[in-house]
C-alpha atoms as a PDB file:
ATOM      1  CA  MET A   1      -1.875  -8.293 -43.941  1.00  0.00           C
ATOM      2  CA  ASN A   2      -2.090  -4.554 -44.040  1.00  0.00           C
ATOM      3  CA  LEU A   3       0.181  -2.216 -42.137  1.00  0.00           C
ATOM      4  CA  LEU A   4      -2.449  -1.178 -39.587  1.00  0.00           C
ATOM      5  CA  ALA A   5      -3.160  -4.782 -38.588  1.00  0.00           C
ATOM      6  CA  LEU A   6       0.574  -5.458 -38.228  1.00  0.00           C
ATOM      7  CA  PHE A   7       0.978  -2.376 -36.034  1.00  0.00           C
ATOM      8  CA  GLY A   8      -1.963  -3.495 -33.877  1.00  0.00           C
ATOM      9  CA  SER A   9      -0.507  -6.970 -33.483  1.00  0.00           C
ATOM     10  CA  ILE A  10       2.917  -5.671 -32.509  1.00  0.00           C
ATOM     11  CA  THR A  11       1.369  -3.234 -30.016  1.00  0.00           C
ATOM     12  CA  THR A  12      -0.687  -6.038 -28.471  1.00  0.00           C
ATOM     13  CA  LEU A  13       2.375  -8.256 -28.094  1.00  0.00           C
ATOM     14  CA  MET A  14       4.357  -5.423 -26.496  1.00  0.00           C
ATOM     15  CA  ALA A  15       1.540  -4.696 -24.028  1.00  0.00           C
ATOM     16  CA  PHE A  16       1.292  -8.391 -23.143  1.00  0.00           C
ATOM     17  CA  ALA A  17       5.057  -8.583 -22.614  1.00  0.00           C
ATOM     18  CA  ALA A  18       4.893  -5.546 -20.309  1.00  0.00           C
ATOM     19  CA  PHE A  19       2.039  -7.148 -18.360  1.00  0.00           C
ATOM     20  CA  VAL A  20       3.968 -10.411 -17.939  1.00  0.00           C
ATOM     21  CA  GLY A  21       7.044  -8.470 -16.786  1.00  0.00           C
ATOM     22  CA  ILE A  22       5.101  -6.481 -14.206  1.00  0.00           C
ATOM     23  CA  ALA A  23       3.290  -9.589 -12.945  1.00  0.00           C
ATOM     24  CA  TRP A  24       6.594 -11.455 -12.665  1.00  0.00           C
ATOM     25  CA  MET A  25       8.117  -8.571 -10.727  1.00  0.00           C
ATOM     26  CA  ALA A  26       5.139  -8.426  -8.373  1.00  0.00           C
ATOM     27  CA  TYR A  27       5.216 -12.118  -7.476  1.00  0.00           C
ATOM     28  CA  ALA A  28       8.903 -13.035  -7.752  1.00  0.00           C
ATOM     29  CA  PRO A  29      10.363 -14.091  -4.386  1.00  0.00           C
ATOM     30  CA  ARG A  30      13.470 -12.065  -5.189  1.00  0.00           C
ATOM     31  CA  PHE A  31      11.482  -8.819  -4.802  1.00  0.00           C
ATOM     32  CA  ALA A  32       9.463  -9.819  -1.702  1.00  0.00           C
ATOM     33  CA  ALA A  33      11.661  -7.908   0.761  1.00  0.00           C
ATOM     34  CA  ARG A  34      11.469  -4.744  -1.324  1.00  0.00           C
ATOM     35  CA  HIS A  35       7.686  -4.966  -1.603  1.00  0.00           C
ATOM     36  CA  GLN A  36       7.325  -5.433   2.157  1.00  0.00           C
ATOM     37  CA  ARG A  37       9.531  -2.388   2.771  1.00  0.00           C
ATOM     38  CA  ASP A  38       7.680  -0.303   0.174  1.00  0.00           C
ATOM     39  CA  ALA A  39       4.320  -1.263   1.690  1.00  0.00           C
ATOM     40  CA  LEU A  40       5.264   0.772   4.792  1.00  0.00           C
ATOM     41  CA  ILE A  41       5.963   4.016   2.907  1.00  0.00           C
ATOM     42  CA  PRO A  42       2.512   5.575   3.602  1.00  0.00           C
ATOM     43  CA  PHE A  43       3.063   5.173   7.343  1.00  0.00           C
ATOM     44  CA  LEU A  44       6.494   6.831   7.463  1.00  0.00           C
ATOM     45  CA  ASP A  45       5.046  10.368   7.545  1.00  0.00           C
ATOM     46  CA  SER A  46       3.539   9.750  10.978  1.00  0.00           C
ATOM     47  CA  GLN A  47       7.059   9.385  12.384  1.00  0.00           C
ATOM     48  CA  LEU A  48       8.179  12.822  11.211  1.00  0.00           C
ATOM     49  CA  PRO A  49       8.096  15.792  13.593  1.00  0.00           C
ATOM     50  CA  PRO A  50       5.263  18.270  12.985  1.00  0.00           C
ATOM     51  CA  ALA A  51       5.981  21.110  10.600  1.00  0.00           C
ATOM     52  CA  SER A  52       7.177  24.283  12.264  1.00  0.00           C
ATOM     53  CA  GLY A  53       5.025  27.362  12.016  1.00  0.00           C
ATOM     54  CA  PRO A  54       2.226  29.108  13.835  1.00  0.00           C
ATOM     55  CA  GLU A  55      -0.324  26.977  15.616  1.00  0.00           C
ATOM     56  CA  PRO A  56      -3.768  26.694  13.998  1.00  0.00           C
ATOM     57  CA  GLU A  57      -5.293  28.802  16.794  1.00  0.00           C
ATOM     58  CA  ALA A  58      -2.745  31.567  16.177  1.00  0.00           C
ATOM     59  CA  ARG A  59      -3.494  31.578  12.453  1.00  0.00           C
ATOM     60  CA  ALA A  60      -7.248  31.762  13.106  1.00  0.00           C
ATOM     61  CA  SER A  61      -6.917  34.640  15.589  1.00  0.00           C
ATOM     62  CA  HIS A  62      -4.785  36.702  13.181  1.00  0.00           C
ATOM     63  CA  SER A  63      -7.155  36.251  10.293  1.00  0.00           C
ATOM     64  CA  THR A  64     -10.304  37.218  12.256  1.00  0.00           C
ATOM     65  CA  LYS A  65      -8.963  40.547  13.556  1.00  0.00           C
ATOM     66  CA  ALA A  66      -9.826  43.529  11.418  1.00  0.00           C
END
């Protein structure tokens, strides 16, 4: 077996081990609560107060005056 084939085999086994680890982490009951909490992250921004600064109308009126 040449060195390149050995390297390819080792790389394939490492990638498969990483896949199995990620799949186990995704479906393990131990991580279910964390995944449910993390699933709500995209919706947390809607609970933040709006950014302070000039209103969009004020910005438009300043930029149109010459």
